[in-house]
Amino acid sequence: MRYPSIIAALLFSATTASAQEYDEHVHDGFYLRLQVGGGYLRASAADFTPEVAVKGASGNINAEIGFALVNNLILYGKFYGAASPNPSIQVGDLSVDNANEEWSQNLGAVGLGVTYYFMPANIYLSGAISYTQLSISEQGETIAETDLGGGLHLGIGKEWWVSKNWGLGIGAELALGRIRDDSNNDSWNVTNVAIVLSATYN
C-alpha cells in the first residue's frame, strides 16, 4: 500500500521542479527585443500659423540590442521606425484626407535606452533618448526629409516565457520628437503611439 505515497512524492517533486524552473527565469546577459505593431503618427509644424499637421495610421517596427547591467536592468541600443502611408494633411481647421495615395510619412530613430523587468510578473518599463528624423517618400523614394532632432521613447509591456530565454508579449510604445529642419527654418513636433507584439531573448 505504499504506491499512493510514491505517486504523491513523484507529483510533489514534479511540481517543485516546475516551480524552480520558473523561479530561475531572470533577465541577464545578452538582450534582444524585436517588436512589430501599429498605431498613429502625427507631425505638426511648430512655427506655422495656422497649424500644419501631417497625420495618419502607422505601422511600427522596433529593435533593441544590449545587455543586462545587473539582473533585470538592461542597457540597449534602439532602432525604431514608423510609417504612415497615405496620410492626411491638416491646415488650421481644414483637413484633407488621403491627400496622396503614393505618399508615406516616415519616422526613423536611433538611440540609447534602459529597460527594467519587474519579476516574477515579467512586466517591463523602458525609456530611451534618440536622434530622430522625419521624411516623406513617394513610391518608396525619399522626396523630402528633415535634419536630425531629439526624441524620447517610453514603453510598457508584459511578456510570457516560452523557453528558458525567450519571451513573447504585448506592449505599448510612445515616441515624442522635436525636429529642426535648418534648410527651411522649420521645427516639427512628432507624436507616435503604437500597440506592439514583442519577442525577447534574454
N, C-alpha and C. Protein backbone atom coordinates (compact mmCIF):
# COMPACT_ATOMS: atom_id res chain seq x y z
N MET A 1 0.82 -1.21 0.00
CA MET A 1 0.00 0.00 0.00
C MET A 1 0.86 1.27 0.00
N ARG A 2 2.12 1.12 -0.43
CA ARG A 2 2.99 2.27 -0.44
C ARG A 2 2.91 3.05 -1.74
N TYR A 3 2.15 2.50 -2.73
CA TYR A 3 2.11 3.15 -4.04
C TYR A 3 1.52 4.55 -4.00
N PRO A 4 0.41 4.80 -3.27
CA PRO A 4 -0.10 6.17 -3.23
C PRO A 4 0.94 7.16 -2.72
N SER A 5 1.71 6.76 -1.73
CA SER A 5 2.73 7.65 -1.20
C SER A 5 3.81 7.94 -2.24
N ILE A 6 4.18 6.91 -3.02
CA ILE A 6 5.17 7.09 -4.07
C ILE A 6 4.65 8.05 -5.14
N ILE A 7 3.38 7.87 -5.55
CA ILE A 7 2.77 8.75 -6.55
C ILE A 7 2.74 10.19 -6.05
N ALA A 8 2.35 10.35 -4.77
CA ALA A 8 2.30 11.69 -4.20
C ALA A 8 3.69 12.33 -4.18
N ALA A 9 4.70 11.52 -3.87
CA ALA A 9 6.06 12.04 -3.85
C ALA A 9 6.51 12.47 -5.25
N LEU A 10 6.16 11.65 -6.27
CA LEU A 10 6.52 11.99 -7.64
C LEU A 10 5.84 13.28 -8.09
N LEU A 11 4.55 13.42 -7.77
CA LEU A 11 3.83 14.63 -8.15
C LEU A 11 4.41 15.85 -7.45
N PHE A 12 4.75 15.70 -6.18
CA PHE A 12 5.34 16.81 -5.44
C PHE A 12 6.67 17.22 -6.03
N SER A 13 7.49 16.22 -6.41
CA SER A 13 8.80 16.50 -7.00
C SER A 13 8.66 17.23 -8.32
N ALA A 14 7.70 16.79 -9.16
CA ALA A 14 7.48 17.43 -10.45
C ALA A 14 7.03 18.86 -10.29
N THR A 15 6.11 19.11 -9.33
CA THR A 15 5.62 20.46 -9.08
C THR A 15 6.74 21.36 -8.59
N THR A 16 7.56 20.83 -7.68
CA THR A 16 8.68 21.61 -7.15
C THR A 16 9.68 21.96 -8.24
N ALA A 17 9.97 20.97 -9.12
CA ALA A 17 10.92 21.21 -10.21
C ALA A 17 10.41 22.27 -11.16
N SER A 18 9.09 22.21 -11.44
CA SER A 18 8.49 23.22 -12.34
C SER A 18 8.58 24.60 -11.72
N ALA A 19 8.31 24.71 -10.42
CA ALA A 19 8.38 25.99 -9.75
C ALA A 19 9.80 26.53 -9.74
N GLN A 20 10.77 25.63 -9.49
CA GLN A 20 12.16 26.06 -9.50
C GLN A 20 12.58 26.55 -10.87
N GLU A 21 12.12 25.85 -11.93
CA GLU A 21 12.46 26.27 -13.28
C GLU A 21 11.92 27.65 -13.56
N TYR A 22 10.68 27.94 -13.09
CA TYR A 22 10.10 29.26 -13.28
C TYR A 22 10.90 30.32 -12.53
N ASP A 23 11.27 29.98 -11.26
CA ASP A 23 12.00 30.94 -10.45
C ASP A 23 13.37 31.26 -11.04
N GLU A 24 13.92 30.34 -11.82
CA GLU A 24 15.23 30.56 -12.40
C GLU A 24 15.21 31.52 -13.58
N HIS A 25 14.02 31.85 -14.09
CA HIS A 25 13.94 32.83 -15.17
C HIS A 25 14.38 34.20 -14.65
N VAL A 26 15.41 34.72 -15.26
CA VAL A 26 15.91 36.03 -14.87
C VAL A 26 16.47 36.70 -16.11
N HIS A 27 16.38 38.01 -16.15
CA HIS A 27 16.88 38.76 -17.30
C HIS A 27 18.34 39.13 -17.04
N ASP A 28 19.25 38.42 -17.71
CA ASP A 28 20.68 38.67 -17.55
C ASP A 28 21.38 38.40 -18.87
N GLY A 29 22.63 38.86 -18.99
CA GLY A 29 23.41 38.59 -20.19
C GLY A 29 22.92 39.34 -21.42
N PHE A 30 23.11 38.72 -22.59
CA PHE A 30 22.74 39.33 -23.87
C PHE A 30 21.24 39.55 -23.97
N TYR A 31 20.86 40.66 -24.59
CA TYR A 31 19.45 41.04 -24.69
C TYR A 31 19.11 41.42 -26.13
N LEU A 32 17.98 40.90 -26.62
CA LEU A 32 17.45 41.25 -27.93
C LEU A 32 15.94 41.30 -27.85
N ARG A 33 15.38 42.45 -28.23
CA ARG A 33 13.91 42.58 -28.28
C ARG A 33 13.51 43.04 -29.68
N LEU A 34 12.57 42.32 -30.28
CA LEU A 34 12.02 42.67 -31.58
C LEU A 34 10.52 42.93 -31.42
N GLN A 35 10.04 44.03 -32.02
CA GLN A 35 8.64 44.39 -31.89
C GLN A 35 8.07 44.86 -33.23
N VAL A 36 6.83 44.49 -33.47
CA VAL A 36 6.07 44.99 -34.62
C VAL A 36 4.68 45.36 -34.13
N GLY A 37 4.08 46.36 -34.77
CA GLY A 37 2.75 46.75 -34.34
C GLY A 37 2.19 47.86 -35.20
N GLY A 38 1.20 48.52 -34.68
CA GLY A 38 0.55 49.60 -35.41
C GLY A 38 0.01 50.64 -34.47
N GLY A 39 -0.16 51.86 -35.00
CA GLY A 39 -0.65 52.93 -34.16
C GLY A 39 -0.99 54.17 -34.95
N TYR A 40 -0.53 55.32 -34.46
CA TYR A 40 -0.90 56.62 -35.02
C TYR A 40 0.32 57.52 -35.01
N LEU A 41 0.58 58.18 -36.13
CA LEU A 41 1.73 59.07 -36.27
C LEU A 41 1.26 60.46 -36.66
N ARG A 42 1.72 61.47 -35.92
CA ARG A 42 1.33 62.86 -36.20
C ARG A 42 2.56 63.75 -36.10
N ALA A 43 2.77 64.57 -37.11
CA ALA A 43 3.84 65.56 -37.12
C ALA A 43 3.25 66.92 -37.42
N SER A 44 3.52 67.90 -36.57
CA SER A 44 2.96 69.24 -36.75
C SER A 44 4.09 70.26 -36.84
N ALA A 45 3.94 71.22 -37.76
CA ALA A 45 4.92 72.29 -37.92
C ALA A 45 4.71 73.32 -36.82
N ALA A 46 5.74 73.48 -35.96
CA ALA A 46 5.57 74.30 -34.77
C ALA A 46 5.49 75.79 -35.07
N ASP A 47 6.10 76.23 -36.17
CA ASP A 47 6.23 77.67 -36.42
C ASP A 47 5.23 78.20 -37.43
N PHE A 48 4.26 77.38 -37.83
CA PHE A 48 3.28 77.82 -38.82
C PHE A 48 2.00 78.29 -38.15
N THR A 49 1.41 79.35 -38.72
CA THR A 49 0.09 79.81 -38.30
C THR A 49 -0.74 80.03 -39.55
N PRO A 50 -1.86 79.33 -39.74
CA PRO A 50 -2.41 78.31 -38.86
C PRO A 50 -1.54 77.03 -38.84
N GLU A 51 -1.81 76.17 -37.88
CA GLU A 51 -1.01 74.97 -37.70
C GLU A 51 -1.13 74.04 -38.90
N VAL A 52 0.02 73.47 -39.29
CA VAL A 52 0.07 72.47 -40.36
C VAL A 52 0.47 71.13 -39.74
N ALA A 53 -0.30 70.10 -40.02
CA ALA A 53 -0.01 68.78 -39.45
C ALA A 53 -0.21 67.70 -40.51
N VAL A 54 0.65 66.69 -40.43
CA VAL A 54 0.54 65.50 -41.28
C VAL A 54 0.32 64.32 -40.35
N LYS A 55 -0.73 63.51 -40.59
CA LYS A 55 -1.11 62.52 -39.59
C LYS A 55 -1.78 61.32 -40.26
N GLY A 56 -1.77 60.19 -39.53
CA GLY A 56 -2.44 59.02 -40.05
C GLY A 56 -2.06 57.76 -39.30
N ALA A 57 -2.74 56.66 -39.62
CA ALA A 57 -2.43 55.36 -39.03
C ALA A 57 -1.03 54.94 -39.48
N SER A 58 -0.33 54.23 -38.59
CA SER A 58 1.06 53.88 -38.88
C SER A 58 1.33 52.41 -38.59
N GLY A 59 2.33 51.89 -39.28
CA GLY A 59 2.92 50.61 -38.95
C GLY A 59 4.26 50.86 -38.26
N ASN A 60 4.60 50.05 -37.26
CA ASN A 60 5.78 50.31 -36.44
C ASN A 60 6.68 49.08 -36.34
N ILE A 61 7.99 49.32 -36.31
CA ILE A 61 8.96 48.27 -36.03
C ILE A 61 9.95 48.82 -35.01
N ASN A 62 10.48 47.93 -34.17
CA ASN A 62 11.42 48.34 -33.15
C ASN A 62 12.38 47.19 -32.88
N ALA A 63 13.66 47.50 -32.78
CA ALA A 63 14.67 46.50 -32.42
C ALA A 63 15.57 47.10 -31.35
N GLU A 64 15.84 46.31 -30.30
CA GLU A 64 16.69 46.74 -29.20
C GLU A 64 17.73 45.65 -28.95
N ILE A 65 18.99 46.05 -28.86
CA ILE A 65 20.09 45.11 -28.66
C ILE A 65 20.97 45.65 -27.53
N GLY A 66 21.25 44.79 -26.53
CA GLY A 66 22.06 45.25 -25.41
C GLY A 66 22.43 44.13 -24.47
N PHE A 67 22.59 44.49 -23.20
CA PHE A 67 22.99 43.52 -22.19
C PHE A 67 22.51 44.00 -20.82
N ALA A 68 22.42 43.06 -19.89
CA ALA A 68 21.97 43.38 -18.54
C ALA A 68 23.12 43.95 -17.72
N LEU A 69 22.91 45.12 -17.15
CA LEU A 69 23.89 45.71 -16.24
C LEU A 69 23.91 44.93 -14.92
N VAL A 70 22.73 44.64 -14.42
CA VAL A 70 22.50 43.73 -13.30
C VAL A 70 21.25 42.95 -13.67
N ASN A 71 20.89 41.95 -12.88
CA ASN A 71 19.70 41.17 -13.18
C ASN A 71 18.48 42.07 -13.35
N ASN A 72 17.81 41.92 -14.49
CA ASN A 72 16.54 42.58 -14.81
C ASN A 72 16.67 44.06 -15.20
N LEU A 73 17.87 44.63 -15.17
CA LEU A 73 18.10 46.01 -15.61
C LEU A 73 19.01 45.99 -16.83
N ILE A 74 18.49 46.48 -17.96
CA ILE A 74 19.15 46.27 -19.25
C ILE A 74 19.45 47.61 -19.92
N LEU A 75 20.65 47.72 -20.47
CA LEU A 75 21.05 48.85 -21.30
C LEU A 75 21.04 48.40 -22.75
N TYR A 76 20.45 49.20 -23.65
CA TYR A 76 20.31 48.75 -25.03
C TYR A 76 20.44 49.90 -26.03
N GLY A 77 20.81 49.52 -27.25
CA GLY A 77 20.72 50.41 -28.38
C GLY A 77 19.40 50.20 -29.09
N LYS A 78 18.80 51.28 -29.56
CA LYS A 78 17.43 51.22 -30.10
C LYS A 78 17.42 51.64 -31.56
N PHE A 79 16.67 50.88 -32.37
CA PHE A 79 16.47 51.18 -33.79
C PHE A 79 14.96 51.15 -34.04
N TYR A 80 14.39 52.30 -34.36
CA TYR A 80 12.93 52.46 -34.36
C TYR A 80 12.46 53.05 -35.68
N GLY A 81 11.34 52.57 -36.17
CA GLY A 81 10.77 53.13 -37.38
C GLY A 81 9.25 53.07 -37.38
N ALA A 82 8.64 54.08 -37.98
CA ALA A 82 7.18 54.11 -38.15
C ALA A 82 6.88 54.73 -39.51
N ALA A 83 5.88 54.21 -40.18
CA ALA A 83 5.48 54.72 -41.49
C ALA A 83 3.97 54.86 -41.54
N SER A 84 3.53 56.01 -42.04
CA SER A 84 2.11 56.29 -42.19
C SER A 84 1.81 56.48 -43.67
N PRO A 85 1.32 55.44 -44.34
CA PRO A 85 1.03 55.57 -45.78
C PRO A 85 -0.23 56.41 -46.02
N ASN A 86 -0.17 57.18 -47.08
CA ASN A 86 -1.32 57.98 -47.49
C ASN A 86 -1.88 58.81 -46.33
N PRO A 87 -1.05 59.67 -45.72
CA PRO A 87 -1.51 60.41 -44.54
C PRO A 87 -2.46 61.55 -44.91
N SER A 88 -3.14 62.06 -43.89
CA SER A 88 -3.99 63.23 -44.05
C SER A 88 -3.18 64.49 -43.75
N ILE A 89 -3.55 65.61 -44.38
CA ILE A 89 -2.89 66.88 -44.15
C ILE A 89 -3.91 67.86 -43.58
N GLN A 90 -3.56 68.48 -42.46
CA GLN A 90 -4.44 69.44 -41.81
C GLN A 90 -3.79 70.81 -41.79
N VAL A 91 -4.54 71.82 -42.23
CA VAL A 91 -4.09 73.21 -42.18
C VAL A 91 -5.16 73.99 -41.44
N GLY A 92 -4.85 74.37 -40.21
CA GLY A 92 -5.86 75.02 -39.39
C GLY A 92 -7.03 74.08 -39.16
N ASP A 93 -8.24 74.55 -39.51
CA ASP A 93 -9.43 73.71 -39.35
C ASP A 93 -9.75 72.88 -40.58
N LEU A 94 -8.96 73.05 -41.64
CA LEU A 94 -9.20 72.32 -42.88
C LEU A 94 -8.36 71.05 -42.91
N SER A 95 -9.01 69.92 -43.14
CA SER A 95 -8.30 68.65 -43.19
C SER A 95 -8.57 67.98 -44.53
N VAL A 96 -7.50 67.54 -45.18
CA VAL A 96 -7.59 66.83 -46.45
C VAL A 96 -7.19 65.38 -46.20
N ASP A 97 -8.16 64.48 -46.24
CA ASP A 97 -7.87 63.07 -46.00
C ASP A 97 -7.33 62.42 -47.27
N ASN A 98 -6.42 61.46 -47.05
CA ASN A 98 -5.86 60.70 -48.17
C ASN A 98 -5.37 61.63 -49.28
N ALA A 99 -4.49 62.56 -48.87
CA ALA A 99 -4.06 63.62 -49.78
C ALA A 99 -3.35 63.08 -51.02
N ASN A 100 -2.54 62.05 -50.85
CA ASN A 100 -1.80 61.48 -51.99
C ASN A 100 -1.54 60.01 -51.69
N GLU A 101 -2.15 59.13 -52.47
CA GLU A 101 -2.04 57.70 -52.21
C GLU A 101 -0.63 57.16 -52.40
N GLU A 102 0.24 57.91 -53.06
CA GLU A 102 1.60 57.46 -53.29
C GLU A 102 2.59 57.98 -52.25
N TRP A 103 2.11 58.80 -51.31
CA TRP A 103 2.97 59.36 -50.29
C TRP A 103 2.98 58.49 -49.04
N SER A 104 4.08 58.58 -48.30
CA SER A 104 4.17 57.97 -46.98
C SER A 104 4.98 58.89 -46.07
N GLN A 105 4.47 59.13 -44.89
CA GLN A 105 5.24 59.88 -43.88
C GLN A 105 5.99 58.88 -43.01
N ASN A 106 7.31 59.12 -42.82
CA ASN A 106 8.14 58.14 -42.13
C ASN A 106 8.88 58.78 -40.96
N LEU A 107 9.00 58.03 -39.89
CA LEU A 107 9.74 58.44 -38.72
C LEU A 107 10.82 57.40 -38.44
N GLY A 108 12.07 57.85 -38.33
CA GLY A 108 13.17 56.95 -38.00
C GLY A 108 13.92 57.46 -36.79
N ALA A 109 14.42 56.54 -35.95
CA ALA A 109 15.13 56.95 -34.74
C ALA A 109 16.18 55.92 -34.38
N VAL A 110 17.30 56.41 -33.87
CA VAL A 110 18.38 55.58 -33.33
C VAL A 110 18.75 56.17 -31.98
N GLY A 111 18.79 55.32 -30.93
CA GLY A 111 19.05 55.87 -29.62
C GLY A 111 19.60 54.88 -28.63
N LEU A 112 19.60 55.30 -27.37
CA LEU A 112 20.13 54.52 -26.26
C LEU A 112 19.11 54.53 -25.14
N GLY A 113 18.86 53.36 -24.55
CA GLY A 113 17.84 53.29 -23.52
C GLY A 113 18.09 52.24 -22.47
N VAL A 114 17.18 52.19 -21.50
CA VAL A 114 17.22 51.18 -20.45
C VAL A 114 15.83 50.59 -20.30
N THR A 115 15.78 49.35 -19.88
CA THR A 115 14.51 48.70 -19.55
C THR A 115 14.67 47.92 -18.26
N TYR A 116 13.60 47.89 -17.48
CA TYR A 116 13.64 47.15 -16.21
C TYR A 116 12.45 46.21 -16.14
N TYR A 117 12.73 44.96 -15.78
CA TYR A 117 11.69 43.94 -15.63
C TYR A 117 11.34 43.76 -14.17
N PHE A 118 10.04 43.81 -13.89
CA PHE A 118 9.53 43.51 -12.56
C PHE A 118 9.20 42.02 -12.51
N MET A 119 10.00 41.28 -11.76
CA MET A 119 9.85 39.83 -11.70
C MET A 119 9.21 39.42 -10.38
N PRO A 120 8.47 38.28 -10.36
CA PRO A 120 8.30 37.32 -11.48
C PRO A 120 7.16 37.65 -12.45
N ALA A 121 6.56 38.84 -12.34
CA ALA A 121 5.44 39.18 -13.22
C ALA A 121 5.88 39.31 -14.67
N ASN A 122 7.18 39.58 -14.90
CA ASN A 122 7.73 39.76 -16.23
C ASN A 122 7.06 40.95 -16.96
N ILE A 123 6.84 42.00 -16.21
CA ILE A 123 6.33 43.27 -16.74
C ILE A 123 7.51 44.23 -16.83
N TYR A 124 7.61 44.96 -17.94
CA TYR A 124 8.74 45.84 -18.12
C TYR A 124 8.32 47.29 -18.34
N LEU A 125 9.20 48.18 -17.94
CA LEU A 125 9.13 49.60 -18.28
C LEU A 125 10.42 49.95 -19.00
N SER A 126 10.33 50.78 -20.03
CA SER A 126 11.54 51.15 -20.77
C SER A 126 11.50 52.61 -21.15
N GLY A 127 12.68 53.16 -21.35
CA GLY A 127 12.80 54.55 -21.79
C GLY A 127 14.08 54.72 -22.58
N ALA A 128 14.05 55.59 -23.57
CA ALA A 128 15.23 55.83 -24.41
C ALA A 128 15.22 57.25 -24.93
N ILE A 129 16.43 57.78 -25.19
CA ILE A 129 16.58 59.03 -25.90
C ILE A 129 17.18 58.71 -27.27
N SER A 130 16.87 59.53 -28.26
CA SER A 130 17.27 59.15 -29.62
C SER A 130 17.52 60.37 -30.49
N TYR A 131 18.23 60.11 -31.60
CA TYR A 131 18.25 61.00 -32.75
C TYR A 131 17.09 60.60 -33.64
N THR A 132 16.31 61.58 -34.10
CA THR A 132 15.07 61.30 -34.79
C THR A 132 15.00 62.11 -36.08
N GLN A 133 14.39 61.52 -37.12
CA GLN A 133 14.27 62.20 -38.40
C GLN A 133 12.92 61.87 -39.04
N LEU A 134 12.33 62.88 -39.67
CA LEU A 134 11.10 62.72 -40.45
C LEU A 134 11.43 62.76 -41.94
N SER A 135 10.66 62.00 -42.71
CA SER A 135 10.82 62.07 -44.16
C SER A 135 9.49 61.79 -44.84
N ILE A 136 9.40 62.23 -46.09
CA ILE A 136 8.26 61.91 -46.96
C ILE A 136 8.80 61.12 -48.15
N SER A 137 8.18 59.99 -48.41
CA SER A 137 8.59 59.19 -49.57
C SER A 137 7.43 59.05 -50.54
N GLU A 138 7.77 58.90 -51.80
CA GLU A 138 6.77 58.69 -52.85
C GLU A 138 7.19 57.47 -53.65
N GLN A 139 6.32 56.46 -53.61
CA GLN A 139 6.61 55.19 -54.26
C GLN A 139 7.96 54.62 -53.81
N GLY A 140 8.23 54.75 -52.52
CA GLY A 140 9.43 54.18 -51.94
C GLY A 140 10.68 55.02 -52.02
N GLU A 141 10.64 56.18 -52.70
CA GLU A 141 11.81 57.04 -52.82
C GLU A 141 11.60 58.31 -51.99
N THR A 142 12.62 58.69 -51.22
CA THR A 142 12.55 59.86 -50.35
C THR A 142 12.54 61.14 -51.20
N ILE A 143 11.54 61.99 -50.97
CA ILE A 143 11.44 63.25 -51.72
C ILE A 143 11.64 64.46 -50.80
N ALA A 144 11.60 64.26 -49.47
CA ALA A 144 11.84 65.35 -48.53
C ALA A 144 12.19 64.75 -47.18
N GLU A 145 13.07 65.42 -46.45
CA GLU A 145 13.42 64.94 -45.12
C GLU A 145 13.92 66.10 -44.27
N THR A 146 13.82 65.96 -42.97
CA THR A 146 14.28 66.97 -42.03
C THR A 146 15.72 66.66 -41.62
N ASP A 147 16.30 67.58 -40.85
CA ASP A 147 17.55 67.28 -40.17
C ASP A 147 17.27 66.38 -38.98
N LEU A 148 18.31 65.99 -38.27
CA LEU A 148 18.15 65.17 -37.08
C LEU A 148 17.66 66.02 -35.91
N GLY A 149 16.79 65.41 -35.10
CA GLY A 149 16.30 66.08 -33.90
C GLY A 149 16.34 65.15 -32.71
N GLY A 150 15.86 65.64 -31.59
CA GLY A 150 15.85 64.84 -30.37
C GLY A 150 14.55 64.07 -30.22
N GLY A 151 14.64 62.91 -29.58
CA GLY A 151 13.45 62.09 -29.37
C GLY A 151 13.46 61.44 -28.00
N LEU A 152 12.26 61.15 -27.50
CA LEU A 152 12.07 60.44 -26.24
C LEU A 152 11.11 59.28 -26.49
N HIS A 153 11.49 58.09 -26.01
CA HIS A 153 10.67 56.89 -26.19
C HIS A 153 10.35 56.29 -24.84
N LEU A 154 9.07 55.98 -24.62
CA LEU A 154 8.63 55.34 -23.39
C LEU A 154 7.85 54.09 -23.75
N GLY A 155 8.08 53.00 -23.01
CA GLY A 155 7.39 51.74 -23.32
C GLY A 155 6.99 51.00 -22.07
N ILE A 156 5.94 50.19 -22.20
CA ILE A 156 5.47 49.32 -21.13
C ILE A 156 4.95 48.05 -21.77
N GLY A 157 5.13 46.92 -21.09
CA GLY A 157 4.63 45.68 -21.68
C GLY A 157 4.66 44.52 -20.70
N LYS A 158 4.07 43.44 -21.13
CA LYS A 158 4.01 42.20 -20.36
C LYS A 158 4.41 41.06 -21.29
N GLU A 159 5.31 40.19 -20.81
CA GLU A 159 5.76 39.05 -21.59
C GLU A 159 5.57 37.75 -20.81
N TRP A 160 5.46 36.65 -21.58
CA TRP A 160 5.32 35.32 -21.01
C TRP A 160 6.45 34.44 -21.52
N TRP A 161 7.09 33.72 -20.63
CA TRP A 161 8.18 32.84 -21.02
C TRP A 161 7.68 31.68 -21.87
N VAL A 162 8.35 31.43 -22.97
CA VAL A 162 8.03 30.27 -23.82
C VAL A 162 9.20 29.30 -23.88
N SER A 163 10.35 29.70 -23.34
CA SER A 163 11.51 28.82 -23.20
C SER A 163 12.39 29.42 -22.11
N LYS A 164 13.57 28.86 -21.92
CA LYS A 164 14.45 29.36 -20.87
C LYS A 164 14.85 30.80 -21.10
N ASN A 165 15.00 31.20 -22.36
CA ASN A 165 15.49 32.55 -22.67
C ASN A 165 14.55 33.40 -23.50
N TRP A 166 13.54 32.81 -24.12
CA TRP A 166 12.64 33.56 -25.00
C TRP A 166 11.33 33.89 -24.29
N GLY A 167 10.86 35.13 -24.49
CA GLY A 167 9.56 35.54 -24.01
C GLY A 167 8.77 36.23 -25.12
N LEU A 168 7.48 35.99 -25.16
CA LEU A 168 6.58 36.65 -26.11
C LEU A 168 5.59 37.50 -25.34
N GLY A 169 5.22 38.65 -25.91
CA GLY A 169 4.33 39.51 -25.16
C GLY A 169 3.68 40.59 -25.99
N ILE A 170 3.05 41.52 -25.27
CA ILE A 170 2.35 42.65 -25.87
C ILE A 170 2.72 43.90 -25.09
N GLY A 171 2.78 45.02 -25.79
CA GLY A 171 3.17 46.25 -25.12
C GLY A 171 2.67 47.48 -25.84
N ALA A 172 3.04 48.64 -25.31
CA ALA A 172 2.68 49.93 -25.89
C ALA A 172 3.92 50.81 -25.92
N GLU A 173 4.03 51.61 -26.97
CA GLU A 173 5.19 52.48 -27.15
C GLU A 173 4.72 53.89 -27.46
N LEU A 174 5.35 54.87 -26.80
CA LEU A 174 5.10 56.28 -27.07
C LEU A 174 6.41 56.91 -27.49
N ALA A 175 6.42 57.54 -28.68
CA ALA A 175 7.61 58.23 -29.17
C ALA A 175 7.27 59.70 -29.37
N LEU A 176 8.10 60.57 -28.82
CA LEU A 176 7.94 62.01 -28.95
C LEU A 176 9.21 62.58 -29.56
N GLY A 177 9.07 63.59 -30.42
CA GLY A 177 10.25 64.17 -31.05
C GLY A 177 10.09 65.65 -31.29
N ARG A 178 11.21 66.34 -31.29
CA ARG A 178 11.28 67.76 -31.66
C ARG A 178 12.38 67.85 -32.70
N ILE A 179 12.00 68.12 -33.94
CA ILE A 179 12.94 68.02 -35.06
C ILE A 179 13.04 69.36 -35.77
N ARG A 180 14.27 69.78 -36.00
CA ARG A 180 14.53 71.05 -36.67
C ARG A 180 14.92 70.80 -38.12
N ASP A 181 14.33 71.55 -39.02
CA ASP A 181 14.72 71.49 -40.43
C ASP A 181 15.42 72.81 -40.77
N ASP A 182 16.76 72.79 -40.70
CA ASP A 182 17.53 74.03 -40.89
C ASP A 182 17.40 74.61 -42.29
N SER A 183 17.13 73.77 -43.28
CA SER A 183 17.04 74.27 -44.65
C SER A 183 15.85 75.20 -44.83
N ASN A 184 14.79 74.98 -44.04
CA ASN A 184 13.59 75.82 -44.15
C ASN A 184 13.30 76.60 -42.88
N ASN A 185 14.20 76.47 -41.88
CA ASN A 185 13.97 77.10 -40.58
C ASN A 185 12.65 76.68 -39.96
N ASP A 186 12.29 75.42 -40.16
CA ASP A 186 11.05 74.87 -39.61
C ASP A 186 11.37 73.95 -38.43
N SER A 187 10.43 73.84 -37.51
CA SER A 187 10.51 72.87 -36.43
C SER A 187 9.26 72.01 -36.46
N TRP A 188 9.44 70.70 -36.20
CA TRP A 188 8.34 69.75 -36.22
C TRP A 188 8.23 69.07 -34.87
N ASN A 189 7.01 69.00 -34.36
CA ASN A 189 6.71 68.22 -33.16
C ASN A 189 6.08 66.90 -33.60
N VAL A 190 6.62 65.81 -33.11
CA VAL A 190 6.20 64.48 -33.56
C VAL A 190 5.65 63.67 -32.39
N THR A 191 4.52 63.00 -32.62
CA THR A 191 3.95 62.08 -31.65
C THR A 191 3.60 60.78 -32.36
N ASN A 192 4.06 59.69 -31.80
CA ASN A 192 3.74 58.37 -32.36
C ASN A 192 3.38 57.43 -31.22
N VAL A 193 2.19 56.87 -31.26
CA VAL A 193 1.76 55.88 -30.27
C VAL A 193 1.48 54.58 -31.00
N ALA A 194 1.81 53.46 -30.36
CA ALA A 194 1.65 52.17 -31.03
C ALA A 194 1.42 51.06 -30.01
N ILE A 195 0.64 50.08 -30.43
CA ILE A 195 0.50 48.81 -29.71
C ILE A 195 1.36 47.80 -30.45
N VAL A 196 2.21 47.07 -29.72
CA VAL A 196 3.20 46.21 -30.37
C VAL A 196 3.16 44.79 -29.78
N LEU A 197 3.54 43.84 -30.61
CA LEU A 197 3.82 42.47 -30.19
C LEU A 197 5.33 42.33 -30.08
N SER A 198 5.80 41.63 -29.06
CA SER A 198 7.24 41.56 -28.84
C SER A 198 7.72 40.13 -28.71
N ALA A 199 8.96 39.92 -29.13
CA ALA A 199 9.69 38.67 -28.90
C ALA A 199 11.04 39.07 -28.33
N THR A 200 11.36 38.57 -27.14
CA THR A 200 12.56 38.98 -26.42
C THR A 200 13.42 37.78 -26.07
N TYR A 201 14.71 37.90 -26.37
CA TYR A 201 15.69 36.89 -25.95
C TYR A 201 16.57 37.52 -24.88
N ASN A 202 16.64 36.84 -23.72
CA ASN A 202 17.47 37.38 -22.65
C ASN A 202 17.73 36.28 -21.62
